[in-house]
N, C-alpha and C. Protein backbone atom coordinates (compact mmCIF):
# COMPACT_ATOMS: atom_id res chain seq x y z
N MET A 1 -24.17 -25.94 40.88
CA MET A 1 -24.05 -26.92 41.95
C MET A 1 -24.69 -26.37 43.22
N PRO A 2 -25.08 -27.25 44.15
CA PRO A 2 -25.84 -26.80 45.32
C PRO A 2 -25.06 -25.80 46.17
N ARG A 3 -25.79 -24.97 46.86
CA ARG A 3 -25.17 -24.00 47.74
C ARG A 3 -24.62 -24.71 48.98
N ALA A 4 -23.73 -24.02 49.66
CA ALA A 4 -23.08 -24.62 50.84
C ALA A 4 -24.10 -25.01 51.90
N ARG A 5 -25.23 -24.30 51.91
CA ARG A 5 -26.27 -24.62 52.91
C ARG A 5 -26.81 -26.04 52.72
N PHE A 6 -26.91 -26.46 51.45
CA PHE A 6 -27.37 -27.83 51.19
C PHE A 6 -26.34 -28.83 51.67
N GLU A 7 -25.08 -28.54 51.44
CA GLU A 7 -24.02 -29.46 51.85
C GLU A 7 -23.97 -29.62 53.36
N ARG A 8 -24.46 -28.63 54.06
CA ARG A 8 -24.44 -28.69 55.53
C ARG A 8 -25.64 -29.43 56.11
N LEU A 9 -26.62 -29.77 55.25
CA LEU A 9 -27.78 -30.52 55.73
C LEU A 9 -27.38 -31.92 56.19
N GLU A 10 -28.16 -32.49 57.07
CA GLU A 10 -27.90 -33.87 57.48
C GLU A 10 -28.10 -34.78 56.26
N PRO A 11 -27.32 -35.86 56.15
CA PRO A 11 -27.36 -36.75 54.98
C PRO A 11 -28.76 -37.26 54.64
N GLU A 12 -29.56 -37.54 55.66
CA GLU A 12 -30.89 -38.08 55.41
C GLU A 12 -31.77 -37.07 54.67
N LYS A 13 -31.66 -35.79 55.03
CA LYS A 13 -32.47 -34.78 54.37
C LYS A 13 -31.96 -34.52 52.96
N GLN A 14 -30.64 -34.54 52.77
CA GLN A 14 -30.08 -34.41 51.43
C GLN A 14 -30.60 -35.53 50.53
N ALA A 15 -30.54 -36.76 51.05
CA ALA A 15 -30.98 -37.91 50.26
C ALA A 15 -32.45 -37.80 49.90
N ARG A 16 -33.29 -37.34 50.83
CA ARG A 16 -34.72 -37.23 50.57
C ARG A 16 -34.99 -36.24 49.44
N ILE A 17 -34.29 -35.13 49.44
CA ILE A 17 -34.48 -34.12 48.39
C ILE A 17 -34.02 -34.65 47.04
N LEU A 18 -32.84 -35.27 47.01
CA LEU A 18 -32.29 -35.75 45.74
C LEU A 18 -33.08 -36.94 45.20
N GLU A 19 -33.60 -37.78 46.08
CA GLU A 19 -34.41 -38.91 45.62
C GLU A 19 -35.73 -38.42 45.04
N ALA A 20 -36.34 -37.42 45.65
CA ALA A 20 -37.58 -36.85 45.12
C ALA A 20 -37.32 -36.23 43.75
N ALA A 21 -36.20 -35.55 43.62
CA ALA A 21 -35.86 -34.92 42.35
C ALA A 21 -35.55 -35.96 41.29
N THR A 22 -34.81 -37.00 41.65
CA THR A 22 -34.49 -38.07 40.70
C THR A 22 -35.76 -38.72 40.17
N GLU A 23 -36.69 -38.99 41.06
CA GLU A 23 -37.96 -39.63 40.67
C GLU A 23 -38.74 -38.74 39.69
N GLU A 24 -38.79 -37.45 39.96
CA GLU A 24 -39.55 -36.53 39.11
C GLU A 24 -38.87 -36.34 37.76
N PHE A 25 -37.57 -36.14 37.74
CA PHE A 25 -36.85 -35.95 36.48
C PHE A 25 -36.89 -37.22 35.63
N ALA A 26 -36.79 -38.37 36.29
CA ALA A 26 -36.83 -39.64 35.56
C ALA A 26 -38.19 -39.88 34.95
N ALA A 27 -39.23 -39.48 35.64
CA ALA A 27 -40.59 -39.73 35.16
C ALA A 27 -41.03 -38.74 34.09
N ARG A 28 -40.58 -37.48 34.18
CA ARG A 28 -41.12 -36.44 33.31
C ARG A 28 -40.08 -35.71 32.46
N GLY A 29 -38.81 -36.04 32.64
CA GLY A 29 -37.77 -35.31 31.92
C GLY A 29 -37.54 -33.95 32.56
N PHE A 30 -36.49 -33.26 32.10
CA PHE A 30 -36.19 -31.97 32.73
C PHE A 30 -37.29 -30.95 32.47
N GLU A 31 -37.70 -30.79 31.21
CA GLU A 31 -38.69 -29.78 30.87
C GLU A 31 -40.04 -30.05 31.53
N GLY A 32 -40.42 -31.33 31.59
CA GLY A 32 -41.74 -31.66 32.12
C GLY A 32 -41.78 -31.75 33.63
N ALA A 33 -40.64 -31.85 34.27
CA ALA A 33 -40.59 -32.00 35.73
C ALA A 33 -41.12 -30.74 36.42
N SER A 34 -41.87 -30.96 37.48
CA SER A 34 -42.42 -29.86 38.26
C SER A 34 -41.55 -29.61 39.48
N TYR A 35 -41.00 -28.41 39.56
CA TYR A 35 -40.19 -28.05 40.73
C TYR A 35 -41.05 -28.08 41.99
N ASN A 36 -42.28 -27.62 41.86
CA ASN A 36 -43.19 -27.63 43.01
C ASN A 36 -43.48 -29.05 43.47
N GLN A 37 -43.61 -29.99 42.51
CA GLN A 37 -43.88 -31.38 42.87
C GLN A 37 -42.68 -31.97 43.61
N ILE A 38 -41.49 -31.64 43.16
CA ILE A 38 -40.28 -32.11 43.83
C ILE A 38 -40.23 -31.59 45.26
N ILE A 39 -40.54 -30.31 45.41
CA ILE A 39 -40.52 -29.69 46.74
C ILE A 39 -41.52 -30.38 47.66
N GLU A 40 -42.70 -30.68 47.11
CA GLU A 40 -43.74 -31.33 47.92
C GLU A 40 -43.31 -32.74 48.33
N LYS A 41 -42.76 -33.50 47.37
CA LYS A 41 -42.33 -34.86 47.66
C LYS A 41 -41.17 -34.89 48.66
N ALA A 42 -40.31 -33.88 48.58
CA ALA A 42 -39.15 -33.83 49.47
C ALA A 42 -39.54 -33.39 50.88
N GLY A 43 -40.72 -32.80 51.01
CA GLY A 43 -41.18 -32.37 52.33
C GLY A 43 -40.47 -31.14 52.85
N VAL A 44 -40.10 -30.23 51.93
CA VAL A 44 -39.47 -28.98 52.35
C VAL A 44 -40.29 -27.81 51.80
N SER A 45 -40.03 -26.62 52.31
CA SER A 45 -40.74 -25.45 51.82
C SER A 45 -40.08 -24.92 50.56
N LYS A 46 -40.85 -24.16 49.77
CA LYS A 46 -40.29 -23.57 48.54
C LYS A 46 -39.14 -22.63 48.89
N GLY A 47 -39.30 -21.89 49.96
CA GLY A 47 -38.24 -20.98 50.38
C GLY A 47 -36.96 -21.72 50.73
N ALA A 48 -37.11 -22.86 51.39
CA ALA A 48 -35.94 -23.65 51.78
C ALA A 48 -35.24 -24.21 50.54
N MET A 49 -36.03 -24.63 49.54
CA MET A 49 -35.43 -25.21 48.34
C MET A 49 -34.58 -24.17 47.62
N TYR A 50 -35.07 -22.96 47.54
CA TYR A 50 -34.28 -21.90 46.90
C TYR A 50 -33.11 -21.47 47.77
N TYR A 51 -33.15 -21.90 49.00
CA TYR A 51 -32.05 -21.67 49.93
C TYR A 51 -30.91 -22.66 49.64
N TYR A 52 -31.30 -23.81 49.04
CA TYR A 52 -30.32 -24.87 48.75
C TYR A 52 -29.83 -24.86 47.30
N PHE A 53 -30.73 -24.50 46.36
CA PHE A 53 -30.40 -24.55 44.93
C PHE A 53 -30.83 -23.25 44.25
N ASP A 54 -30.12 -22.85 43.21
CA ASP A 54 -30.46 -21.63 42.49
C ASP A 54 -31.79 -21.77 41.76
N ASP A 55 -32.00 -22.94 41.12
CA ASP A 55 -33.21 -23.16 40.32
C ASP A 55 -33.31 -24.64 39.97
N LYS A 56 -34.25 -24.96 39.10
CA LYS A 56 -34.47 -26.36 38.72
C LYS A 56 -33.25 -26.95 38.03
N MET A 57 -32.59 -26.18 37.17
CA MET A 57 -31.41 -26.68 36.48
C MET A 57 -30.29 -26.99 37.46
N ASP A 58 -30.13 -26.16 38.45
CA ASP A 58 -29.10 -26.39 39.47
C ASP A 58 -29.37 -27.71 40.18
N LEU A 59 -30.63 -27.96 40.50
CA LEU A 59 -31.00 -29.22 41.15
C LEU A 59 -30.78 -30.40 40.20
N PHE A 60 -31.15 -30.24 38.95
CA PHE A 60 -30.97 -31.30 37.96
C PHE A 60 -29.49 -31.66 37.82
N CYS A 61 -28.63 -30.67 37.75
CA CYS A 61 -27.19 -30.92 37.63
C CYS A 61 -26.68 -31.69 38.84
N THR A 62 -27.19 -31.36 40.01
CA THR A 62 -26.77 -32.06 41.23
C THR A 62 -27.20 -33.52 41.18
N VAL A 63 -28.41 -33.77 40.70
CA VAL A 63 -28.92 -35.13 40.58
C VAL A 63 -28.08 -35.94 39.60
N VAL A 64 -27.75 -35.34 38.45
CA VAL A 64 -26.95 -36.03 37.44
C VAL A 64 -25.56 -36.36 37.98
N LYS A 65 -24.97 -35.41 38.68
CA LYS A 65 -23.63 -35.63 39.24
C LYS A 65 -23.66 -36.76 40.27
N ARG A 66 -24.73 -36.78 41.06
CA ARG A 66 -24.87 -37.85 42.06
C ARG A 66 -25.00 -39.20 41.38
N ALA A 67 -25.79 -39.25 40.30
CA ALA A 67 -25.99 -40.51 39.58
C ALA A 67 -24.69 -40.99 38.94
N SER A 68 -23.87 -40.07 38.47
CA SER A 68 -22.62 -40.45 37.80
C SER A 68 -21.56 -40.89 38.79
N SER A 69 -21.77 -40.65 40.07
CA SER A 69 -20.76 -41.01 41.06
C SER A 69 -20.55 -42.52 41.12
N HIS A 70 -21.60 -43.29 40.79
CA HIS A 70 -21.44 -44.75 40.81
C HIS A 70 -20.42 -45.18 39.76
N MET A 71 -20.49 -44.59 38.58
CA MET A 71 -19.53 -44.89 37.53
C MET A 71 -18.12 -44.52 37.97
N THR A 72 -18.00 -43.34 38.60
CA THR A 72 -16.70 -42.88 39.07
C THR A 72 -16.10 -43.86 40.06
N GLU A 73 -16.93 -44.38 40.95
CA GLU A 73 -16.45 -45.34 41.94
C GLU A 73 -15.96 -46.63 41.28
N LEU A 74 -16.68 -47.09 40.26
CA LEU A 74 -16.28 -48.31 39.56
C LEU A 74 -14.96 -48.13 38.84
N TRP A 75 -14.83 -47.03 38.10
CA TRP A 75 -13.59 -46.80 37.37
C TRP A 75 -12.44 -46.52 38.33
N GLY A 76 -12.73 -45.84 39.42
CA GLY A 76 -11.68 -45.58 40.42
C GLY A 76 -11.15 -46.86 41.01
N ALA A 77 -12.05 -47.79 41.31
CA ALA A 77 -11.62 -49.08 41.85
C ALA A 77 -10.78 -49.84 40.83
N ALA A 78 -11.14 -49.72 39.55
CA ALA A 78 -10.39 -50.42 38.50
C ALA A 78 -8.98 -49.86 38.38
N LEU A 79 -8.85 -48.55 38.50
CA LEU A 79 -7.53 -47.92 38.38
C LEU A 79 -6.61 -48.32 39.53
N ASP A 80 -7.19 -48.70 40.64
CA ASP A 80 -6.40 -49.13 41.79
C ASP A 80 -6.05 -50.62 41.72
N SER A 81 -6.58 -51.29 40.70
CA SER A 81 -6.38 -52.74 40.59
C SER A 81 -5.22 -53.08 39.66
N GLU A 82 -4.41 -54.05 40.07
CA GLU A 82 -3.31 -54.52 39.22
C GLU A 82 -3.83 -55.39 38.08
N ALA A 83 -5.11 -55.75 38.15
CA ALA A 83 -5.70 -56.61 37.11
C ALA A 83 -5.71 -55.94 35.75
N LEU A 84 -5.64 -54.62 35.72
CA LEU A 84 -5.62 -53.91 34.44
C LEU A 84 -4.39 -54.30 33.63
N GLU A 85 -3.29 -54.61 34.30
CA GLU A 85 -2.09 -55.02 33.59
C GLU A 85 -2.15 -56.49 33.18
N SER A 86 -2.65 -57.34 34.06
CA SER A 86 -2.66 -58.77 33.78
C SER A 86 -3.82 -59.21 32.89
N ASP A 87 -4.94 -58.54 32.99
CA ASP A 87 -6.13 -58.92 32.20
C ASP A 87 -6.96 -57.67 31.95
N PHE A 88 -6.46 -56.79 31.08
CA PHE A 88 -7.10 -55.50 30.87
C PHE A 88 -8.54 -55.64 30.42
N TRP A 89 -8.79 -56.39 29.33
CA TRP A 89 -10.13 -56.46 28.77
C TRP A 89 -11.08 -57.27 29.65
N GLY A 90 -10.53 -58.22 30.40
CA GLY A 90 -11.37 -58.94 31.36
C GLY A 90 -11.84 -58.01 32.46
N THR A 91 -10.94 -57.13 32.92
CA THR A 91 -11.30 -56.15 33.94
C THR A 91 -12.29 -55.13 33.40
N PHE A 92 -12.07 -54.69 32.16
CA PHE A 92 -12.98 -53.76 31.50
C PHE A 92 -14.38 -54.37 31.41
N GLU A 93 -14.43 -55.63 31.03
CA GLU A 93 -15.72 -56.32 30.92
C GLU A 93 -16.41 -56.44 32.27
N ASP A 94 -15.63 -56.68 33.31
CA ASP A 94 -16.20 -56.79 34.66
C ASP A 94 -16.82 -55.47 35.09
N ILE A 95 -16.16 -54.35 34.76
CA ILE A 95 -16.72 -53.04 35.09
C ILE A 95 -18.02 -52.81 34.33
N ALA A 96 -18.01 -53.15 33.04
CA ALA A 96 -19.22 -52.99 32.22
C ALA A 96 -20.36 -53.83 32.79
N ARG A 97 -20.04 -55.01 33.28
CA ARG A 97 -21.06 -55.90 33.85
C ARG A 97 -21.66 -55.29 35.12
N LYS A 98 -20.81 -54.68 35.94
CA LYS A 98 -21.29 -54.05 37.17
C LYS A 98 -22.14 -52.83 36.85
N GLN A 99 -21.76 -52.08 35.82
CA GLN A 99 -22.57 -50.93 35.41
C GLN A 99 -23.94 -51.37 34.92
N ALA A 100 -23.96 -52.45 34.14
CA ALA A 100 -25.23 -52.96 33.63
C ALA A 100 -26.11 -53.44 34.77
N ALA A 101 -25.51 -54.12 35.74
CA ALA A 101 -26.28 -54.62 36.88
C ALA A 101 -26.90 -53.45 37.66
N PHE A 102 -26.13 -52.38 37.81
CA PHE A 102 -26.64 -51.21 38.53
C PHE A 102 -27.81 -50.60 37.77
N ALA A 103 -27.68 -50.50 36.44
CA ALA A 103 -28.75 -49.93 35.63
C ALA A 103 -30.03 -50.76 35.72
N PHE A 104 -29.89 -52.08 35.72
CA PHE A 104 -31.07 -52.94 35.79
C PHE A 104 -31.69 -52.91 37.18
N GLU A 105 -30.88 -52.69 38.19
CA GLU A 105 -31.40 -52.61 39.56
C GLU A 105 -32.01 -51.23 39.85
N HIS A 106 -31.60 -50.23 39.07
CA HIS A 106 -32.08 -48.86 39.28
C HIS A 106 -32.54 -48.27 37.95
N PRO A 107 -33.68 -48.73 37.43
CA PRO A 107 -34.17 -48.25 36.13
C PRO A 107 -34.40 -46.75 36.07
N GLU A 108 -34.57 -46.12 37.24
CA GLU A 108 -34.75 -44.67 37.23
C GLU A 108 -33.48 -43.96 36.73
N MET A 109 -32.33 -44.62 36.86
CA MET A 109 -31.09 -44.04 36.36
C MET A 109 -31.10 -43.99 34.83
N MET A 110 -31.63 -45.04 34.21
CA MET A 110 -31.75 -45.07 32.75
C MET A 110 -32.72 -43.99 32.29
N ALA A 111 -33.82 -43.84 33.03
CA ALA A 111 -34.81 -42.82 32.69
C ALA A 111 -34.23 -41.42 32.89
N LEU A 112 -33.39 -41.26 33.89
CA LEU A 112 -32.72 -39.98 34.11
C LEU A 112 -31.78 -39.68 32.95
N GLY A 113 -31.11 -40.71 32.45
CA GLY A 113 -30.25 -40.54 31.28
C GLY A 113 -31.04 -40.07 30.08
N LYS A 114 -32.25 -40.56 29.95
CA LYS A 114 -33.12 -40.15 28.83
C LYS A 114 -33.42 -38.65 28.93
N SER A 115 -33.73 -38.19 30.13
CA SER A 115 -34.03 -36.76 30.30
C SER A 115 -32.80 -35.91 30.01
N LEU A 116 -31.62 -36.44 30.31
CA LEU A 116 -30.38 -35.72 30.03
C LEU A 116 -30.15 -35.59 28.53
N MET A 117 -30.44 -36.67 27.80
CA MET A 117 -30.21 -36.68 26.35
C MET A 117 -31.24 -35.87 25.58
N GLU A 118 -32.33 -35.52 26.22
CA GLU A 118 -33.35 -34.69 25.57
C GLU A 118 -32.95 -33.22 25.57
N LEU A 119 -31.91 -32.87 26.34
CA LEU A 119 -31.46 -31.49 26.40
C LEU A 119 -30.60 -31.15 25.18
N ASP A 120 -30.42 -29.88 24.94
CA ASP A 120 -29.53 -29.41 23.88
C ASP A 120 -28.13 -29.95 24.16
N PRO A 121 -27.51 -30.67 23.18
CA PRO A 121 -26.17 -31.23 23.40
C PRO A 121 -25.15 -30.20 23.86
N ALA A 122 -25.28 -28.95 23.39
CA ALA A 122 -24.34 -27.91 23.80
C ALA A 122 -24.45 -27.64 25.30
N LEU A 123 -25.66 -27.74 25.84
CA LEU A 123 -25.87 -27.50 27.26
C LEU A 123 -25.22 -28.59 28.09
N VAL A 124 -25.23 -29.81 27.56
CA VAL A 124 -24.66 -30.95 28.28
C VAL A 124 -23.13 -30.87 28.34
N ARG A 125 -22.55 -30.13 27.42
CA ARG A 125 -21.09 -30.06 27.32
C ARG A 125 -20.49 -28.81 27.94
N GLN A 126 -21.30 -28.02 28.62
CA GLN A 126 -20.79 -26.81 29.25
C GLN A 126 -21.39 -26.65 30.63
N GLY A 127 -20.82 -25.75 31.42
CA GLY A 127 -21.34 -25.51 32.76
C GLY A 127 -21.24 -26.73 33.65
N PRO A 128 -22.12 -26.81 34.65
CA PRO A 128 -22.09 -27.92 35.60
C PRO A 128 -22.26 -29.29 34.94
N LEU A 129 -23.14 -29.39 33.94
CA LEU A 129 -23.30 -30.66 33.24
C LEU A 129 -22.05 -31.00 32.45
N GLY A 130 -21.37 -29.98 31.95
CA GLY A 130 -20.14 -30.20 31.23
C GLY A 130 -19.05 -30.80 32.10
N GLU A 131 -19.13 -30.53 33.39
CA GLU A 131 -18.15 -31.10 34.32
C GLU A 131 -18.28 -32.63 34.35
N VAL A 132 -19.50 -33.12 34.32
CA VAL A 132 -19.73 -34.57 34.30
C VAL A 132 -19.23 -35.16 32.99
N TYR A 133 -19.50 -34.46 31.89
CA TYR A 133 -19.05 -34.91 30.57
C TYR A 133 -17.53 -34.98 30.52
N ALA A 134 -16.87 -33.95 31.04
CA ALA A 134 -15.41 -33.91 31.04
C ALA A 134 -14.83 -34.98 31.95
N LEU A 135 -15.50 -35.25 33.06
CA LEU A 135 -15.02 -36.27 33.99
C LEU A 135 -15.06 -37.64 33.34
N THR A 136 -16.11 -37.90 32.55
CA THR A 136 -16.20 -39.17 31.84
C THR A 136 -15.02 -39.35 30.90
N ARG A 137 -14.70 -38.30 30.17
CA ARG A 137 -13.57 -38.37 29.24
C ARG A 137 -12.25 -38.60 29.99
N THR A 138 -12.12 -37.98 31.16
CA THR A 138 -10.90 -38.16 31.95
C THR A 138 -10.72 -39.61 32.37
N TRP A 139 -11.81 -40.23 32.84
CA TRP A 139 -11.74 -41.62 33.29
C TRP A 139 -11.42 -42.56 32.12
N ILE A 140 -12.04 -42.33 30.98
CA ILE A 140 -11.76 -43.16 29.82
C ILE A 140 -10.28 -43.04 29.44
N GLY A 141 -9.77 -41.81 29.48
CA GLY A 141 -8.37 -41.59 29.14
C GLY A 141 -7.42 -42.30 30.08
N ARG A 142 -7.71 -42.26 31.36
CA ARG A 142 -6.84 -42.91 32.34
C ARG A 142 -6.86 -44.43 32.18
N ILE A 143 -8.04 -44.96 31.92
CA ILE A 143 -8.16 -46.40 31.73
C ILE A 143 -7.42 -46.84 30.47
N MET A 144 -7.63 -46.12 29.37
CA MET A 144 -6.98 -46.49 28.11
C MET A 144 -5.46 -46.34 28.18
N ALA A 145 -4.98 -45.36 28.93
CA ALA A 145 -3.54 -45.19 29.11
C ALA A 145 -2.95 -46.41 29.83
N ARG A 146 -3.68 -46.91 30.80
CA ARG A 146 -3.23 -48.13 31.49
C ARG A 146 -3.23 -49.31 30.53
N GLY A 147 -4.25 -49.35 29.66
CA GLY A 147 -4.32 -50.42 28.68
C GLY A 147 -3.17 -50.36 27.69
N GLN A 148 -2.79 -49.15 27.27
CA GLN A 148 -1.65 -49.01 26.38
C GLN A 148 -0.37 -49.49 27.05
N ALA A 149 -0.21 -49.15 28.33
CA ALA A 149 0.98 -49.57 29.07
C ALA A 149 1.07 -51.09 29.16
N ALA A 150 -0.10 -51.74 29.17
CA ALA A 150 -0.15 -53.20 29.27
C ALA A 150 -0.10 -53.87 27.91
N GLY A 151 -0.10 -53.07 26.83
CA GLY A 151 -0.07 -53.63 25.48
C GLY A 151 -1.42 -54.15 25.02
N ALA A 152 -2.49 -53.78 25.73
CA ALA A 152 -3.83 -54.27 25.39
C ALA A 152 -4.63 -53.26 24.60
N VAL A 153 -4.12 -52.04 24.49
CA VAL A 153 -4.83 -50.97 23.78
C VAL A 153 -3.89 -50.38 22.73
N ARG A 154 -4.41 -50.11 21.58
CA ARG A 154 -3.61 -49.58 20.47
C ARG A 154 -2.98 -48.25 20.82
N ASP A 155 -1.76 -48.03 20.28
CA ASP A 155 -1.08 -46.77 20.50
C ASP A 155 -0.63 -46.14 19.17
N ASP A 156 -1.26 -46.61 18.07
CA ASP A 156 -0.89 -46.08 16.75
C ASP A 156 -1.66 -44.82 16.39
N ILE A 157 -2.60 -44.41 17.25
CA ILE A 157 -3.29 -43.14 17.07
C ILE A 157 -3.20 -42.38 18.39
N PRO A 158 -3.27 -41.05 18.35
CA PRO A 158 -3.16 -40.27 19.59
C PRO A 158 -4.20 -40.71 20.63
N LEU A 159 -3.79 -40.77 21.88
CA LEU A 159 -4.70 -41.18 22.95
C LEU A 159 -5.92 -40.28 23.01
N GLU A 160 -5.71 -38.98 22.82
CA GLU A 160 -6.83 -38.03 22.86
C GLU A 160 -7.89 -38.38 21.81
N LEU A 161 -7.43 -38.76 20.62
CA LEU A 161 -8.36 -39.13 19.56
C LEU A 161 -9.07 -40.44 19.90
N LEU A 162 -8.34 -41.41 20.42
CA LEU A 162 -8.95 -42.69 20.79
C LEU A 162 -10.03 -42.48 21.85
N VAL A 163 -9.73 -41.65 22.84
CA VAL A 163 -10.70 -41.38 23.90
C VAL A 163 -11.95 -40.71 23.33
N ALA A 164 -11.77 -39.75 22.42
CA ALA A 164 -12.92 -39.08 21.80
C ALA A 164 -13.78 -40.08 21.03
N LEU A 165 -13.13 -41.00 20.31
CA LEU A 165 -13.86 -42.02 19.57
C LEU A 165 -14.68 -42.90 20.50
N LEU A 166 -14.05 -43.35 21.58
CA LEU A 166 -14.72 -44.25 22.52
C LEU A 166 -15.85 -43.54 23.26
N GLN A 167 -15.64 -42.27 23.60
CA GLN A 167 -16.72 -41.55 24.26
C GLN A 167 -17.91 -41.36 23.31
N GLY A 168 -17.61 -41.12 22.03
CA GLY A 168 -18.68 -41.00 21.05
C GLY A 168 -19.45 -42.30 20.90
N VAL A 169 -18.73 -43.42 20.88
CA VAL A 169 -19.39 -44.73 20.80
C VAL A 169 -20.23 -44.97 22.05
N GLY A 170 -19.69 -44.60 23.20
CA GLY A 170 -20.44 -44.77 24.45
C GLY A 170 -21.73 -43.97 24.44
N GLU A 171 -21.67 -42.75 23.91
CA GLU A 171 -22.87 -41.92 23.82
C GLU A 171 -23.89 -42.55 22.86
N ALA A 172 -23.38 -43.13 21.77
CA ALA A 172 -24.28 -43.79 20.82
C ALA A 172 -24.99 -44.96 21.48
N PHE A 173 -24.24 -45.74 22.25
CA PHE A 173 -24.86 -46.85 22.98
C PHE A 173 -25.91 -46.33 23.96
N ASP A 174 -25.55 -45.28 24.70
CA ASP A 174 -26.48 -44.73 25.69
C ASP A 174 -27.78 -44.28 25.03
N ARG A 175 -27.66 -43.62 23.88
CA ARG A 175 -28.85 -43.14 23.18
C ARG A 175 -29.69 -44.31 22.68
N TRP A 176 -29.02 -45.35 22.21
CA TRP A 176 -29.76 -46.53 21.73
C TRP A 176 -30.50 -47.19 22.89
N PHE A 177 -29.80 -47.37 24.03
CA PHE A 177 -30.43 -48.00 25.18
C PHE A 177 -31.63 -47.19 25.67
N VAL A 178 -31.47 -45.87 25.69
CA VAL A 178 -32.56 -45.01 26.13
C VAL A 178 -33.74 -45.07 25.17
N ALA A 179 -33.44 -45.06 23.86
CA ALA A 179 -34.50 -45.11 22.85
C ALA A 179 -35.24 -46.44 22.87
N HIS A 180 -34.56 -47.49 23.33
CA HIS A 180 -35.16 -48.83 23.41
C HIS A 180 -35.25 -49.25 24.87
N PHE A 181 -35.72 -48.32 25.70
CA PHE A 181 -35.71 -48.52 27.15
C PHE A 181 -36.40 -49.81 27.58
N GLU A 182 -37.65 -49.99 27.14
CA GLU A 182 -38.42 -51.17 27.56
C GLU A 182 -37.75 -52.46 27.06
N GLU A 183 -37.31 -52.43 25.82
CA GLU A 183 -36.64 -53.59 25.24
C GLU A 183 -35.34 -53.90 26.00
N THR A 184 -34.61 -52.85 26.33
CA THR A 184 -33.34 -53.02 27.04
C THR A 184 -33.56 -53.62 28.42
N MET A 185 -34.52 -53.06 29.16
CA MET A 185 -34.74 -53.50 30.54
C MET A 185 -35.36 -54.88 30.62
N SER A 186 -35.95 -55.36 29.53
CA SER A 186 -36.52 -56.71 29.54
C SER A 186 -35.59 -57.72 28.87
N GLY A 187 -34.44 -57.23 28.42
CA GLY A 187 -33.50 -58.10 27.72
C GLY A 187 -32.53 -58.80 28.64
N ASP A 188 -31.48 -59.35 28.04
CA ASP A 188 -30.46 -60.10 28.77
C ASP A 188 -29.29 -59.18 29.07
N PRO A 189 -29.05 -58.83 30.36
CA PRO A 189 -27.95 -57.92 30.69
C PRO A 189 -26.60 -58.41 30.18
N GLU A 190 -26.36 -59.71 30.26
CA GLU A 190 -25.07 -60.24 29.84
C GLU A 190 -24.86 -60.07 28.34
N ALA A 191 -25.91 -60.25 27.56
CA ALA A 191 -25.81 -60.07 26.12
C ALA A 191 -25.46 -58.62 25.78
N LEU A 192 -26.05 -57.68 26.53
CA LEU A 192 -25.76 -56.27 26.32
C LEU A 192 -24.32 -55.95 26.67
N VAL A 193 -23.84 -56.55 27.75
CA VAL A 193 -22.45 -56.33 28.17
C VAL A 193 -21.50 -56.84 27.10
N GLN A 194 -21.74 -58.06 26.62
CA GLN A 194 -20.87 -58.65 25.62
C GLN A 194 -20.86 -57.83 24.33
N MET A 195 -22.02 -57.35 23.91
CA MET A 195 -22.11 -56.55 22.70
C MET A 195 -21.32 -55.24 22.86
N THR A 196 -21.50 -54.58 23.99
CA THR A 196 -20.84 -53.30 24.23
C THR A 196 -19.32 -53.46 24.29
N VAL A 197 -18.86 -54.42 25.08
CA VAL A 197 -17.42 -54.62 25.24
C VAL A 197 -16.78 -55.04 23.93
N ASP A 198 -17.50 -55.86 23.16
CA ASP A 198 -16.96 -56.32 21.87
C ASP A 198 -16.70 -55.13 20.94
N VAL A 199 -17.62 -54.16 20.90
CA VAL A 199 -17.45 -53.00 20.04
C VAL A 199 -16.26 -52.15 20.52
N PHE A 200 -16.20 -51.89 21.82
CA PHE A 200 -15.09 -51.11 22.36
C PHE A 200 -13.76 -51.81 22.09
N ARG A 201 -13.75 -53.12 22.23
CA ARG A 201 -12.51 -53.86 22.06
C ARG A 201 -12.05 -53.85 20.61
N ARG A 202 -12.98 -53.94 19.69
CA ARG A 202 -12.63 -53.91 18.27
C ARG A 202 -12.03 -52.57 17.87
N ILE A 203 -12.49 -51.51 18.50
CA ILE A 203 -11.96 -50.18 18.20
C ILE A 203 -10.59 -49.96 18.85
N ALA A 204 -10.45 -50.40 20.11
CA ALA A 204 -9.28 -50.03 20.89
C ALA A 204 -8.15 -51.05 20.91
N SER A 205 -8.39 -52.28 20.51
CA SER A 205 -7.32 -53.29 20.54
C SER A 205 -6.27 -53.01 19.47
N PRO A 206 -5.01 -53.35 19.74
CA PRO A 206 -3.96 -53.17 18.73
C PRO A 206 -4.27 -53.96 17.47
N ALA A 207 -3.84 -53.45 16.33
CA ALA A 207 -4.06 -54.14 15.07
C ALA A 207 -3.46 -55.53 15.11
N GLY A 208 -4.25 -56.49 14.64
CA GLY A 208 -3.78 -57.88 14.59
C GLY A 208 -3.99 -58.66 15.87
N GLN A 209 -4.44 -57.97 16.94
CA GLN A 209 -4.68 -58.69 18.19
C GLN A 209 -6.02 -59.40 18.14
N GLU A 210 -6.08 -60.61 18.65
CA GLU A 210 -7.33 -61.36 18.69
C GLU A 210 -8.35 -60.58 19.52
N VAL A 211 -9.52 -60.36 18.95
CA VAL A 211 -10.53 -59.54 19.62
C VAL A 211 -11.26 -60.30 20.70
N ARG A 212 -11.74 -61.45 20.39
CA ARG A 212 -12.50 -62.21 21.38
C ARG A 212 -11.59 -63.11 22.19
N ARG A 213 -11.93 -63.21 23.49
CA ARG A 213 -11.12 -64.07 24.34
C ARG A 213 -11.53 -65.51 24.16
């Protein structure tokens, strides 16, 4: 993660560095991205960049964490909503719709996801990148626990196992979307939302519960 010196920079300069890095990683992937090109686009010196980050991987982890913050904000808002009790799957679908809208409005985020998935899976699950992976699992667990309390999510299998299953399905969807990037971005966002939520709902709904609303 970035050094304290980066955190002390004015927000505008932080944003300029991270936007330059996001653009380069999204366009060329982690391995193909040029640290020197990022430095040039950000308008800082090479010495200053090493003053802020240990290396290219440190910068990449910071970019990924920043990109994931949007998801965190969406799930955080959902956890604060009483709608999870009254209409769990409707609220879940609304979150998925907002995530899809963000992805379509910011295609560089999808491209950044592609560069993340090109890395060794073990690397993604440990260190700074592992923190993002673990955070995703935490949010899924908290949401599903609320769903169980509302009777909208099955409780006949351990919550930890259910969360692992759903995270695996989510990763499968992410890989499919990334592999079909052009097709996905030219498709119908609502159809993608409905397909995704339908799969999650079929896995997580209590046995015998009507799947479609």
